[in-house]
Amino acid sequence: MPMDNQMKVLVDRTESILYYAESDLSKDQGAGWIGGNAPQFFDDQDDRIHEGNQKYLFYLSLVHPFKPDSMISIFIPEDYEEYLKNNMYPNCSIKVIEHPISTESIKEMFTNPGLKKHTISDGTLINDQKSMDQSFLIKVGGNPRLIQNEDYYFTNLMEESFSFLFQVDEDGYPETLVQHDYKYPFGFGSLYVFAVIKATEIQHPVAGFWQFS
């Protein structure tokens, strides 16, 4: 994405980029996928993802909007109570990992049985104020659309110079995404990812917090 758009999205925050989930898997990889198998990059990284007896499940992978050779993948604990208790940085249990671009693995070691694979559409640039009234799966940049507008969610993040990078909003799930008899991973909520955003680079994406109403 051109540098002037990056400025509008991450510095001025007058624009944002919206992505949607699409059930048509006959298309190419798009900007990534939600559900399905983890990227092949993680095939030999059980020890990096799982923590002791705490198993993790793959959530989604997004091609980095400003680094086309990289992806950002998200894993969530298998135990809902674990990440319900630890829902805010620096103790957020959600794992956000930047890694080289990778295709989907054929292995199901991290696959979430509650999610049916959907492709993530290419991003669309939109005025940030207009984005607040839109349904979306992912919103990159601009200002976060919060469910609970409380300052304490941001305190530790701001102290360590983290800024909002993107959110994943379950309001944007298609009806076909969550398998029958399974619950929404974030309780029909939203996950907020932050990073250290500098003039020429974006570093250390982390799960800032997640919320639900």
N, C-alpha and C. Protein backbone atom coordinates (compact mmCIF):
# COMPACT_ATOMS: atom_id res chain seq x y z
N MET A 1 0.85 -1.19 0.00
CA MET A 1 0.00 0.00 0.00
C MET A 1 0.89 1.24 0.00
N PRO A 2 0.55 2.26 -0.80
CA PRO A 2 1.38 3.46 -0.88
C PRO A 2 1.59 4.11 0.49
N MET A 3 2.73 4.77 0.64
CA MET A 3 3.08 5.38 1.93
C MET A 3 2.07 6.45 2.35
N ASP A 4 1.52 7.19 1.38
CA ASP A 4 0.57 8.24 1.77
C ASP A 4 -0.70 7.63 2.36
N ASN A 5 -1.11 6.45 1.86
CA ASN A 5 -2.25 5.75 2.46
C ASN A 5 -1.91 5.24 3.85
N GLN A 6 -0.68 4.77 4.03
CA GLN A 6 -0.26 4.32 5.36
C GLN A 6 -0.33 5.47 6.35
N MET A 7 0.07 6.65 5.93
CA MET A 7 -0.01 7.83 6.80
C MET A 7 -1.46 8.12 7.18
N LYS A 8 -2.35 8.08 6.19
CA LYS A 8 -3.76 8.37 6.46
C LYS A 8 -4.37 7.35 7.41
N VAL A 9 -3.93 6.08 7.29
CA VAL A 9 -4.53 5.00 8.06
C VAL A 9 -3.96 4.90 9.47
N LEU A 10 -2.64 5.06 9.62
CA LEU A 10 -1.99 4.79 10.90
C LEU A 10 -1.47 6.03 11.63
N VAL A 11 -1.37 7.15 10.95
CA VAL A 11 -0.86 8.37 11.60
C VAL A 11 -1.97 9.41 11.72
N ASP A 12 -2.47 9.87 10.59
CA ASP A 12 -3.58 10.83 10.63
C ASP A 12 -4.86 10.16 11.10
N ARG A 13 -5.02 8.87 10.76
CA ARG A 13 -6.18 8.05 11.13
C ARG A 13 -7.49 8.63 10.60
N THR A 14 -7.41 9.22 9.43
CA THR A 14 -8.61 9.72 8.75
C THR A 14 -9.22 8.65 7.84
N GLU A 15 -8.43 7.61 7.53
CA GLU A 15 -8.89 6.51 6.69
C GLU A 15 -8.66 5.20 7.43
N SER A 16 -9.37 4.17 7.01
CA SER A 16 -9.13 2.83 7.52
C SER A 16 -9.32 1.84 6.38
N ILE A 17 -8.91 0.60 6.61
CA ILE A 17 -9.03 -0.44 5.59
C ILE A 17 -9.96 -1.52 6.14
N LEU A 18 -10.99 -1.86 5.38
CA LEU A 18 -11.95 -2.85 5.82
C LEU A 18 -11.80 -4.14 5.02
N TYR A 19 -11.95 -5.27 5.72
CA TYR A 19 -11.89 -6.60 5.11
C TYR A 19 -13.15 -7.36 5.51
N TYR A 20 -13.52 -8.31 4.64
CA TYR A 20 -14.73 -9.10 4.87
C TYR A 20 -14.44 -10.58 4.71
N ALA A 21 -15.25 -11.42 5.33
CA ALA A 21 -15.12 -12.87 5.18
C ALA A 21 -16.01 -13.34 4.04
N GLU A 22 -15.45 -14.19 3.18
CA GLU A 22 -16.18 -14.69 2.02
C GLU A 22 -16.17 -16.21 2.03
N SER A 23 -17.31 -16.81 1.78
CA SER A 23 -17.43 -18.27 1.84
C SER A 23 -16.96 -18.95 0.57
N ASP A 24 -16.77 -18.19 -0.51
CA ASP A 24 -16.36 -18.77 -1.79
C ASP A 24 -14.87 -19.10 -1.75
N LEU A 25 -14.55 -20.37 -1.52
CA LEU A 25 -13.16 -20.79 -1.42
C LEU A 25 -12.54 -21.11 -2.77
N SER A 26 -13.31 -20.95 -3.84
CA SER A 26 -12.75 -21.19 -5.17
C SER A 26 -11.86 -20.03 -5.61
N LYS A 27 -11.99 -18.90 -4.91
CA LYS A 27 -11.12 -17.76 -5.20
C LYS A 27 -9.71 -18.05 -4.70
N ASP A 28 -8.78 -17.18 -5.06
CA ASP A 28 -7.43 -17.35 -4.54
C ASP A 28 -7.42 -17.03 -3.05
N GLN A 29 -6.25 -17.03 -2.46
CA GLN A 29 -6.14 -16.87 -1.01
C GLN A 29 -6.66 -15.52 -0.51
N GLY A 30 -6.82 -14.55 -1.40
CA GLY A 30 -7.27 -13.23 -0.97
C GLY A 30 -6.24 -12.60 -0.05
N ALA A 31 -6.73 -11.95 1.00
CA ALA A 31 -5.83 -11.32 1.97
C ALA A 31 -5.57 -12.23 3.16
N GLY A 32 -5.99 -13.49 3.06
CA GLY A 32 -5.79 -14.44 4.15
C GLY A 32 -7.03 -15.29 4.33
N TRP A 33 -7.17 -15.88 5.50
CA TRP A 33 -8.34 -16.72 5.77
C TRP A 33 -8.60 -16.79 7.27
N ILE A 34 -9.84 -17.09 7.61
CA ILE A 34 -10.27 -17.28 8.99
C ILE A 34 -10.85 -18.68 9.08
N GLY A 35 -10.56 -19.41 10.16
CA GLY A 35 -10.92 -20.82 10.23
C GLY A 35 -9.98 -21.64 9.37
N GLY A 36 -10.26 -22.93 9.26
CA GLY A 36 -9.38 -23.79 8.48
C GLY A 36 -8.10 -24.12 9.24
N ASN A 37 -7.07 -24.50 8.49
CA ASN A 37 -5.80 -24.88 9.08
C ASN A 37 -4.88 -23.67 9.21
N ALA A 38 -3.96 -23.75 10.14
CA ALA A 38 -2.96 -22.70 10.32
C ALA A 38 -2.02 -22.66 9.10
N PRO A 39 -1.28 -21.58 8.93
CA PRO A 39 -0.29 -21.54 7.85
C PRO A 39 0.76 -22.66 7.99
N GLN A 40 1.27 -23.09 6.88
CA GLN A 40 2.29 -24.14 6.85
C GLN A 40 3.51 -23.75 7.67
N PHE A 41 3.76 -22.47 7.82
CA PHE A 41 4.89 -21.95 8.60
C PHE A 41 4.91 -22.55 10.01
N PHE A 42 3.75 -22.89 10.55
CA PHE A 42 3.66 -23.37 11.95
C PHE A 42 3.66 -24.90 12.06
N ASP A 43 3.90 -25.60 10.98
CA ASP A 43 3.80 -27.06 11.01
C ASP A 43 4.72 -27.72 12.05
N ASP A 44 5.88 -27.13 12.28
CA ASP A 44 6.82 -27.74 13.23
C ASP A 44 7.02 -26.86 14.46
N GLN A 45 5.97 -26.09 14.83
CA GLN A 45 6.13 -25.13 15.92
C GLN A 45 5.12 -25.35 17.04
N ASP A 46 4.81 -26.61 17.33
CA ASP A 46 3.91 -26.91 18.45
C ASP A 46 4.37 -26.24 19.74
N ASP A 47 5.66 -26.33 20.02
CA ASP A 47 6.18 -25.81 21.28
C ASP A 47 6.06 -24.29 21.36
N ARG A 48 6.08 -23.63 20.23
CA ARG A 48 5.97 -22.17 20.21
C ARG A 48 4.53 -21.73 20.47
N ILE A 49 3.57 -22.52 20.02
CA ILE A 49 2.16 -22.14 20.13
C ILE A 49 1.53 -22.66 21.42
N HIS A 50 1.58 -23.96 21.64
CA HIS A 50 1.01 -24.52 22.86
C HIS A 50 1.89 -24.17 24.06
N GLU A 51 1.28 -24.03 25.23
CA GLU A 51 2.01 -23.71 26.45
C GLU A 51 1.67 -24.73 27.53
N GLY A 52 2.56 -25.70 27.73
CA GLY A 52 2.30 -26.74 28.73
C GLY A 52 1.03 -27.50 28.39
N ASN A 53 0.09 -27.53 29.34
CA ASN A 53 -1.18 -28.21 29.11
C ASN A 53 -2.20 -27.35 28.37
N GLN A 54 -1.85 -26.07 28.15
CA GLN A 54 -2.78 -25.16 27.48
C GLN A 54 -2.60 -25.25 25.97
N LYS A 55 -3.60 -25.81 25.30
CA LYS A 55 -3.56 -25.93 23.85
C LYS A 55 -4.16 -24.69 23.20
N TYR A 56 -3.66 -24.37 22.02
CA TYR A 56 -4.14 -23.22 21.26
C TYR A 56 -4.76 -23.67 19.95
N LEU A 57 -5.71 -22.88 19.47
CA LEU A 57 -6.39 -23.12 18.21
C LEU A 57 -6.15 -21.96 17.26
N PHE A 58 -6.02 -22.30 15.99
CA PHE A 58 -5.83 -21.27 14.96
C PHE A 58 -7.12 -20.47 14.78
N TYR A 59 -6.96 -19.14 14.63
CA TYR A 59 -8.12 -18.26 14.42
C TYR A 59 -8.11 -17.70 13.00
N LEU A 60 -7.09 -16.90 12.66
CA LEU A 60 -7.03 -16.34 11.32
C LEU A 60 -5.61 -15.93 10.96
N SER A 61 -5.40 -15.75 9.67
CA SER A 61 -4.15 -15.19 9.13
C SER A 61 -4.49 -14.09 8.14
N LEU A 62 -3.83 -12.97 8.29
CA LEU A 62 -4.04 -11.81 7.42
C LEU A 62 -2.71 -11.40 6.81
N VAL A 63 -2.69 -11.23 5.49
CA VAL A 63 -1.50 -10.66 4.86
C VAL A 63 -1.30 -9.26 5.42
N HIS A 64 -0.11 -8.98 5.91
CA HIS A 64 0.17 -7.68 6.52
C HIS A 64 -0.15 -6.57 5.51
N PRO A 65 -1.02 -5.64 5.86
CA PRO A 65 -1.44 -4.62 4.89
C PRO A 65 -0.32 -3.69 4.43
N PHE A 66 0.77 -3.63 5.18
CA PHE A 66 1.87 -2.74 4.82
C PHE A 66 3.18 -3.47 4.60
N LYS A 67 3.16 -4.79 4.68
CA LYS A 67 4.34 -5.62 4.42
C LYS A 67 3.88 -6.83 3.62
N PRO A 68 3.84 -6.75 2.31
CA PRO A 68 3.25 -7.82 1.50
C PRO A 68 3.96 -9.16 1.58
N ASP A 69 5.17 -9.20 2.14
CA ASP A 69 5.88 -10.47 2.31
C ASP A 69 5.64 -11.11 3.67
N SER A 70 4.79 -10.47 4.49
CA SER A 70 4.54 -10.96 5.85
C SER A 70 3.05 -11.21 6.07
N MET A 71 2.79 -12.04 7.07
CA MET A 71 1.42 -12.28 7.52
C MET A 71 1.36 -12.08 9.03
N ILE A 72 0.15 -11.84 9.52
CA ILE A 72 -0.11 -11.81 10.95
C ILE A 72 -1.11 -12.92 11.24
N SER A 73 -0.72 -13.86 12.08
CA SER A 73 -1.61 -14.97 12.45
C SER A 73 -2.00 -14.88 13.91
N ILE A 74 -3.21 -15.32 14.20
CA ILE A 74 -3.76 -15.22 15.56
C ILE A 74 -4.17 -16.62 16.02
N PHE A 75 -3.79 -16.95 17.25
CA PHE A 75 -4.16 -18.22 17.89
C PHE A 75 -4.84 -17.90 19.22
N ILE A 76 -5.86 -18.68 19.55
CA ILE A 76 -6.58 -18.46 20.80
C ILE A 76 -6.54 -19.73 21.64
N PRO A 77 -6.50 -19.60 22.98
CA PRO A 77 -6.50 -20.80 23.82
C PRO A 77 -7.74 -21.66 23.57
N GLU A 78 -7.56 -22.95 23.66
CA GLU A 78 -8.69 -23.86 23.53
C GLU A 78 -9.67 -23.67 24.68
N ASP A 79 -9.16 -23.30 25.84
CA ASP A 79 -9.97 -23.09 27.04
C ASP A 79 -10.47 -21.65 27.08
N TYR A 80 -11.78 -21.47 26.88
CA TYR A 80 -12.37 -20.13 26.86
C TYR A 80 -12.13 -19.39 28.17
N GLU A 81 -12.21 -20.10 29.28
CA GLU A 81 -12.04 -19.45 30.59
C GLU A 81 -10.63 -18.85 30.72
N GLU A 82 -9.66 -19.46 30.06
CA GLU A 82 -8.29 -18.97 30.13
C GLU A 82 -8.17 -17.57 29.52
N TYR A 83 -8.73 -17.38 28.35
CA TYR A 83 -8.57 -16.04 27.75
C TYR A 83 -9.67 -15.08 28.19
N LEU A 84 -10.72 -15.60 28.82
CA LEU A 84 -11.69 -14.70 29.45
C LEU A 84 -11.07 -14.03 30.66
N LYS A 85 -10.27 -14.78 31.44
CA LYS A 85 -9.60 -14.23 32.62
C LYS A 85 -8.44 -13.32 32.23
N ASN A 86 -7.80 -13.62 31.12
CA ASN A 86 -6.61 -12.88 30.69
C ASN A 86 -6.91 -12.20 29.35
N ASN A 87 -7.62 -11.09 29.45
CA ASN A 87 -8.16 -10.47 28.24
C ASN A 87 -7.55 -9.11 27.90
N MET A 88 -6.45 -8.75 28.60
CA MET A 88 -5.92 -7.40 28.41
C MET A 88 -4.40 -7.39 28.57
N TYR A 89 -3.71 -6.67 27.68
CA TYR A 89 -2.26 -6.54 27.73
C TYR A 89 -1.82 -5.97 29.09
N PRO A 90 -0.73 -6.48 29.68
CA PRO A 90 0.25 -7.43 29.15
C PRO A 90 -0.08 -8.90 29.45
N ASN A 91 -1.28 -9.17 29.92
CA ASN A 91 -1.64 -10.54 30.29
C ASN A 91 -2.71 -11.13 29.37
N CYS A 92 -2.76 -10.67 28.14
CA CYS A 92 -3.75 -11.19 27.21
C CYS A 92 -3.25 -12.53 26.66
N SER A 93 -4.09 -13.55 26.75
CA SER A 93 -3.69 -14.91 26.35
C SER A 93 -3.71 -15.13 24.85
N ILE A 94 -4.30 -14.22 24.09
CA ILE A 94 -4.37 -14.37 22.64
C ILE A 94 -2.97 -14.17 22.06
N LYS A 95 -2.56 -15.06 21.14
CA LYS A 95 -1.24 -14.94 20.52
C LYS A 95 -1.36 -14.32 19.14
N VAL A 96 -0.57 -13.28 18.92
CA VAL A 96 -0.51 -12.59 17.63
C VAL A 96 0.93 -12.69 17.14
N ILE A 97 1.13 -13.31 15.99
CA ILE A 97 2.48 -13.62 15.52
C ILE A 97 2.65 -13.13 14.08
N GLU A 98 3.65 -12.29 13.87
CA GLU A 98 4.02 -11.89 12.51
C GLU A 98 5.04 -12.89 11.97
N HIS A 99 4.88 -13.29 10.73
CA HIS A 99 5.75 -14.32 10.14
C HIS A 99 5.78 -14.16 8.62
N PRO A 100 6.72 -14.83 7.96
CA PRO A 100 6.79 -14.75 6.50
C PRO A 100 5.50 -15.28 5.86
N ILE A 101 5.19 -14.80 4.69
CA ILE A 101 3.99 -15.24 3.97
C ILE A 101 4.00 -16.76 3.83
N SER A 102 2.84 -17.38 3.97
CA SER A 102 2.77 -18.84 3.98
C SER A 102 1.39 -19.29 3.50
N THR A 103 1.35 -20.40 2.79
CA THR A 103 0.08 -20.97 2.39
C THR A 103 -0.51 -21.80 3.54
N GLU A 104 -1.76 -22.18 3.40
CA GLU A 104 -2.42 -22.98 4.44
C GLU A 104 -1.82 -24.38 4.48
N SER A 105 -1.61 -24.87 5.68
CA SER A 105 -1.07 -26.21 5.88
C SER A 105 -2.13 -27.27 5.55
N ILE A 106 -1.67 -28.48 5.25
CA ILE A 106 -2.60 -29.61 5.11
C ILE A 106 -2.81 -30.29 6.46
N LYS A 107 -2.03 -29.90 7.46
CA LYS A 107 -2.13 -30.51 8.79
C LYS A 107 -3.17 -29.78 9.64
N GLU A 108 -3.86 -30.53 10.48
CA GLU A 108 -4.96 -29.98 11.28
C GLU A 108 -4.61 -29.85 12.75
N MET A 109 -3.32 -29.70 13.05
CA MET A 109 -2.90 -29.70 14.45
C MET A 109 -3.44 -28.52 15.26
N PHE A 110 -3.75 -27.39 14.60
CA PHE A 110 -4.26 -26.23 15.32
C PHE A 110 -5.70 -25.88 14.93
N THR A 111 -6.33 -26.69 14.11
CA THR A 111 -7.61 -26.32 13.51
C THR A 111 -8.72 -26.22 14.55
N ASN A 112 -9.48 -25.14 14.48
CA ASN A 112 -10.61 -24.91 15.39
C ASN A 112 -11.86 -25.58 14.80
N PRO A 113 -12.39 -26.60 15.47
CA PRO A 113 -13.56 -27.30 14.92
C PRO A 113 -14.81 -26.43 14.87
N GLY A 114 -14.80 -25.32 15.59
CA GLY A 114 -15.97 -24.45 15.63
C GLY A 114 -16.07 -23.45 14.50
N LEU A 115 -15.02 -23.36 13.67
CA LEU A 115 -15.02 -22.37 12.59
C LEU A 115 -14.89 -23.05 11.24
N LYS A 116 -15.73 -22.66 10.30
CA LYS A 116 -15.65 -23.15 8.93
C LYS A 116 -14.80 -22.15 8.14
N LYS A 117 -13.82 -22.65 7.41
CA LYS A 117 -12.89 -21.76 6.71
C LYS A 117 -13.60 -20.81 5.75
N HIS A 118 -13.23 -19.54 5.84
CA HIS A 118 -13.65 -18.51 4.90
C HIS A 118 -12.42 -17.72 4.44
N THR A 119 -12.47 -17.25 3.23
CA THR A 119 -11.42 -16.38 2.71
C THR A 119 -11.63 -14.96 3.22
N ILE A 120 -10.54 -14.24 3.46
CA ILE A 120 -10.62 -12.82 3.81
C ILE A 120 -10.43 -12.02 2.53
N SER A 121 -11.36 -11.13 2.25
CA SER A 121 -11.33 -10.34 1.02
C SER A 121 -10.14 -9.39 1.01
N ASP A 122 -9.79 -8.88 -0.15
CA ASP A 122 -8.81 -7.81 -0.22
C ASP A 122 -9.38 -6.58 0.48
N GLY A 123 -8.50 -5.76 1.04
CA GLY A 123 -8.93 -4.61 1.81
C GLY A 123 -9.45 -3.47 0.96
N THR A 124 -10.40 -2.72 1.53
CA THR A 124 -10.97 -1.55 0.86
C THR A 124 -10.72 -0.32 1.73
N LEU A 125 -10.13 0.72 1.13
CA LEU A 125 -9.86 1.96 1.86
C LEU A 125 -11.16 2.76 1.99
N ILE A 126 -11.42 3.25 3.20
CA ILE A 126 -12.67 3.97 3.45
C ILE A 126 -12.42 5.09 4.45
N ASN A 127 -13.22 6.13 4.36
CA ASN A 127 -13.16 7.21 5.35
C ASN A 127 -13.43 6.63 6.74
N ASP A 128 -12.63 7.00 7.71
CA ASP A 128 -12.73 6.35 9.02
C ASP A 128 -14.06 6.60 9.70
N GLN A 129 -14.60 7.82 9.58
CA GLN A 129 -15.89 8.09 10.20
C GLN A 129 -16.99 7.21 9.60
N LYS A 130 -16.94 6.99 8.30
CA LYS A 130 -17.92 6.13 7.65
C LYS A 130 -17.78 4.68 8.09
N SER A 131 -16.54 4.29 8.40
CA SER A 131 -16.32 2.89 8.80
C SER A 131 -17.03 2.54 10.09
N MET A 132 -17.28 3.54 10.93
CA MET A 132 -17.92 3.29 12.23
C MET A 132 -19.35 2.78 12.07
N ASP A 133 -19.95 3.03 10.92
CA ASP A 133 -21.32 2.59 10.68
C ASP A 133 -21.39 1.36 9.78
N GLN A 134 -20.23 0.77 9.46
CA GLN A 134 -20.17 -0.37 8.55
C GLN A 134 -20.01 -1.67 9.35
N SER A 135 -20.49 -2.75 8.76
CA SER A 135 -20.17 -4.08 9.26
C SER A 135 -18.88 -4.52 8.58
N PHE A 136 -17.97 -5.15 9.33
CA PHE A 136 -16.70 -5.61 8.77
C PHE A 136 -16.17 -6.75 9.60
N LEU A 137 -15.31 -7.57 9.00
CA LEU A 137 -14.60 -8.59 9.76
C LEU A 137 -13.36 -7.99 10.41
N ILE A 138 -12.59 -7.25 9.62
CA ILE A 138 -11.34 -6.64 10.10
C ILE A 138 -11.31 -5.18 9.70
N LYS A 139 -10.87 -4.36 10.63
CA LYS A 139 -10.65 -2.94 10.36
C LYS A 139 -9.21 -2.62 10.71
N VAL A 140 -8.43 -2.17 9.73
CA VAL A 140 -7.05 -1.78 9.96
C VAL A 140 -6.96 -0.26 10.05
N GLY A 141 -6.33 0.22 11.10
CA GLY A 141 -6.07 1.65 11.24
C GLY A 141 -7.32 2.46 11.55
N GLY A 142 -7.20 3.76 11.34
CA GLY A 142 -8.26 4.65 11.80
C GLY A 142 -8.35 4.56 13.31
N ASN A 143 -9.54 4.65 13.83
CA ASN A 143 -9.77 4.56 15.27
C ASN A 143 -10.57 3.30 15.58
N PRO A 144 -10.25 2.63 16.67
CA PRO A 144 -10.98 1.40 16.98
C PRO A 144 -12.45 1.68 17.28
N ARG A 145 -13.29 0.78 16.83
CA ARG A 145 -14.70 0.84 17.22
C ARG A 145 -14.86 -0.02 18.47
N LEU A 146 -15.02 0.63 19.59
CA LEU A 146 -15.00 -0.05 20.89
C LEU A 146 -16.40 -0.49 21.31
N ILE A 147 -16.43 -1.58 22.05
CA ILE A 147 -17.67 -2.03 22.67
C ILE A 147 -17.77 -1.45 24.07
N GLN A 148 -16.63 -1.36 24.75
CA GLN A 148 -16.54 -0.74 26.08
C GLN A 148 -15.47 0.34 26.02
N ASN A 149 -15.88 1.57 26.13
CA ASN A 149 -14.96 2.70 25.97
C ASN A 149 -14.39 3.12 27.32
N GLU A 150 -13.45 2.30 27.81
CA GLU A 150 -12.84 2.55 29.12
C GLU A 150 -11.34 2.77 28.95
N ASP A 151 -10.81 3.81 29.60
CA ASP A 151 -9.41 4.17 29.43
C ASP A 151 -8.45 3.08 29.89
N TYR A 152 -8.85 2.27 30.88
CA TYR A 152 -7.89 1.31 31.45
C TYR A 152 -7.46 0.24 30.44
N TYR A 153 -8.25 0.02 29.42
CA TYR A 153 -7.82 -0.93 28.39
C TYR A 153 -6.53 -0.48 27.71
N PHE A 154 -6.31 0.83 27.64
CA PHE A 154 -5.20 1.39 26.88
C PHE A 154 -3.98 1.75 27.73
N THR A 155 -4.11 1.76 29.05
CA THR A 155 -3.07 2.31 29.92
C THR A 155 -1.71 1.65 29.70
N ASN A 156 -1.63 0.35 29.85
CA ASN A 156 -0.35 -0.34 29.70
C ASN A 156 0.17 -0.29 28.27
N LEU A 157 -0.72 -0.33 27.32
CA LEU A 157 -0.31 -0.25 25.91
C LEU A 157 0.34 1.09 25.60
N MET A 158 -0.25 2.17 26.07
CA MET A 158 0.28 3.50 25.81
C MET A 158 1.62 3.70 26.52
N GLU A 159 1.76 3.15 27.70
CA GLU A 159 3.02 3.27 28.44
C GLU A 159 4.17 2.64 27.69
N GLU A 160 3.89 1.64 26.85
CA GLU A 160 4.93 0.95 26.09
C GLU A 160 4.90 1.33 24.62
N SER A 161 4.25 2.45 24.31
CA SER A 161 4.26 3.05 22.97
C SER A 161 3.57 2.19 21.91
N PHE A 162 2.56 1.42 22.32
CA PHE A 162 1.77 0.66 21.36
C PHE A 162 0.61 1.52 20.86
N SER A 163 0.29 1.37 19.58
CA SER A 163 -0.84 2.07 18.97
C SER A 163 -1.75 1.05 18.29
N PHE A 164 -2.98 1.43 18.10
CA PHE A 164 -3.97 0.55 17.47
C PHE A 164 -3.56 0.21 16.05
N LEU A 165 -3.56 -1.09 15.74
CA LEU A 165 -3.24 -1.55 14.38
C LEU A 165 -4.49 -2.06 13.68
N PHE A 166 -5.18 -3.03 14.28
CA PHE A 166 -6.44 -3.49 13.65
C PHE A 166 -7.32 -4.18 14.69
N GLN A 167 -8.58 -4.37 14.32
CA GLN A 167 -9.50 -5.13 15.15
C GLN A 167 -10.19 -6.18 14.28
N VAL A 168 -10.57 -7.27 14.94
CA VAL A 168 -11.39 -8.31 14.31
C VAL A 168 -12.73 -8.28 15.01
N ASP A 169 -13.80 -8.03 14.26
CA ASP A 169 -15.10 -7.79 14.85
C ASP A 169 -16.07 -8.91 14.47
N GLU A 170 -16.61 -9.59 15.48
CA GLU A 170 -17.50 -10.71 15.21
C GLU A 170 -18.86 -10.29 14.68
N ASP A 171 -19.15 -9.01 14.73
CA ASP A 171 -20.35 -8.50 14.08
C ASP A 171 -20.27 -8.71 12.56
N GLY A 172 -19.05 -8.88 12.05
CA GLY A 172 -18.85 -9.08 10.62
C GLY A 172 -18.77 -10.54 10.20
N TYR A 173 -19.05 -11.46 11.10
CA TYR A 173 -19.06 -12.88 10.72
C TYR A 173 -20.24 -13.18 9.79
N PRO A 174 -20.01 -13.89 8.69
CA PRO A 174 -21.14 -14.44 7.95
C PRO A 174 -21.81 -15.53 8.78
N GLU A 175 -23.07 -15.81 8.51
CA GLU A 175 -23.79 -16.84 9.26
C GLU A 175 -23.17 -18.22 9.08
N THR A 176 -22.42 -18.39 8.00
CA THR A 176 -21.83 -19.69 7.69
C THR A 176 -20.50 -19.94 8.39
N LEU A 177 -19.96 -18.96 9.12
CA LEU A 177 -18.61 -19.08 9.67
C LEU A 177 -18.54 -19.96 10.91
N VAL A 178 -19.45 -19.76 11.86
CA VAL A 178 -19.43 -20.52 13.12
C VAL A 178 -20.24 -21.79 12.93
N GLN A 179 -19.62 -22.92 13.22
CA GLN A 179 -20.28 -24.21 13.04
C GLN A 179 -21.44 -24.37 14.02
N HIS A 180 -22.44 -25.13 13.59
CA HIS A 180 -23.61 -25.39 14.43
C HIS A 180 -23.18 -25.99 15.78
N ASP A 181 -23.80 -25.52 16.85
CA ASP A 181 -23.53 -25.98 18.22
C ASP A 181 -22.22 -25.44 18.80
N TYR A 182 -21.56 -24.52 18.12
CA TYR A 182 -20.37 -23.86 18.67
C TYR A 182 -20.67 -22.38 18.95
N LYS A 183 -19.95 -21.83 19.90
CA LYS A 183 -20.14 -20.43 20.27
C LYS A 183 -19.14 -19.53 19.54
N TYR A 184 -19.46 -18.26 19.46
CA TYR A 184 -18.53 -17.28 18.92
C TYR A 184 -17.30 -17.22 19.83
N PRO A 185 -16.08 -17.27 19.28
CA PRO A 185 -14.87 -17.30 20.12
C PRO A 185 -14.77 -16.13 21.10
N PHE A 186 -15.28 -14.95 20.71
CA PHE A 186 -15.16 -13.77 21.57
C PHE A 186 -16.52 -13.29 22.06
N GLY A 187 -17.47 -14.22 22.16
CA GLY A 187 -18.76 -13.87 22.73
C GLY A 187 -19.50 -12.80 21.96
N PHE A 188 -19.42 -12.84 20.63
CA PHE A 188 -19.95 -11.81 19.75
C PHE A 188 -19.32 -10.46 20.11
N GLY A 189 -18.00 -10.49 20.20
CA GLY A 189 -17.24 -9.29 20.57
C GLY A 189 -16.21 -8.91 19.52
N SER A 190 -15.11 -8.33 19.99
CA SER A 190 -14.09 -7.82 19.08
C SER A 190 -12.72 -7.93 19.74
N LEU A 191 -11.73 -8.32 18.93
CA LEU A 191 -10.34 -8.41 19.36
C LEU A 191 -9.57 -7.22 18.79
N TYR A 192 -8.74 -6.58 19.63
CA TYR A 192 -8.01 -5.38 19.23
C TYR A 192 -6.51 -5.65 19.27
N VAL A 193 -5.86 -5.48 18.12
CA VAL A 193 -4.43 -5.75 17.98
C VAL A 193 -3.68 -4.42 17.89
N PHE A 194 -2.59 -4.33 18.61
CA PHE A 194 -1.78 -3.11 18.65
C PHE A 194 -0.36 -3.42 18.17
N ALA A 195 0.41 -2.38 17.86
CA ALA A 195 1.80 -2.54 17.44
C ALA A 195 2.55 -1.25 17.74
N VAL A 196 3.88 -1.34 17.70
CA VAL A 196 4.71 -0.13 17.79
C VAL A 196 4.82 0.41 16.38
N ILE A 197 4.23 1.56 16.15
CA ILE A 197 4.12 2.12 14.80
C ILE A 197 5.05 3.33 14.70
N LYS A 198 6.05 3.18 13.83
CA LYS A 198 7.02 4.25 13.60
C LYS A 198 6.88 4.78 12.19
N ALA A 199 7.64 5.81 11.86
CA ALA A 199 7.49 6.45 10.56
C ALA A 199 7.76 5.49 9.41
N THR A 200 8.73 4.60 9.57
CA THR A 200 9.12 3.73 8.47
C THR A 200 8.88 2.25 8.73
N GLU A 201 8.37 1.89 9.91
CA GLU A 201 8.17 0.47 10.19
C GLU A 201 7.08 0.25 11.24
N ILE A 202 6.54 -0.95 11.22
CA ILE A 202 5.53 -1.39 12.17
C ILE A 202 6.08 -2.63 12.85
N GLN A 203 6.21 -2.59 14.17
CA GLN A 203 6.89 -3.66 14.89
C GLN A 203 6.01 -4.24 16.00
N HIS A 204 6.29 -5.50 16.34
CA HIS A 204 5.78 -6.16 17.54
C HIS A 204 4.25 -6.12 17.68
N PRO A 205 3.51 -6.65 16.72
CA PRO A 205 2.06 -6.71 16.92
C PRO A 205 1.71 -7.60 18.11
N VAL A 206 0.78 -7.13 18.93
CA VAL A 206 0.36 -7.87 20.12
C VAL A 206 -1.15 -7.78 20.25
N ALA A 207 -1.72 -8.74 20.99
CA ALA A 207 -3.14 -8.65 21.33
C ALA A 207 -3.26 -7.64 22.45
N GLY A 208 -3.92 -6.53 22.17
CA GLY A 208 -4.11 -5.51 23.20
C GLY A 208 -5.17 -5.89 24.21
N PHE A 209 -6.36 -6.25 23.70
CA PHE A 209 -7.46 -6.67 24.56
C PHE A 209 -8.59 -7.17 23.68
N TRP A 210 -9.56 -7.80 24.31
CA TRP A 210 -10.79 -8.14 23.60
C TRP A 210 -11.98 -7.79 24.48
N GLN A 211 -13.08 -7.50 23.84
CA GLN A 211 -14.27 -7.04 24.55
C GLN A 211 -15.50 -7.74 23.98
N PHE A 212 -16.54 -7.80 24.80
CA PHE A 212 -17.86 -8.20 24.30
C PHE A 212 -18.90 -7.49 25.14
N SER A 213 -20.10 -7.39 24.61
CA SER A 213 -21.15 -6.63 25.31
C SER A 213 -21.90 -7.52 26.29
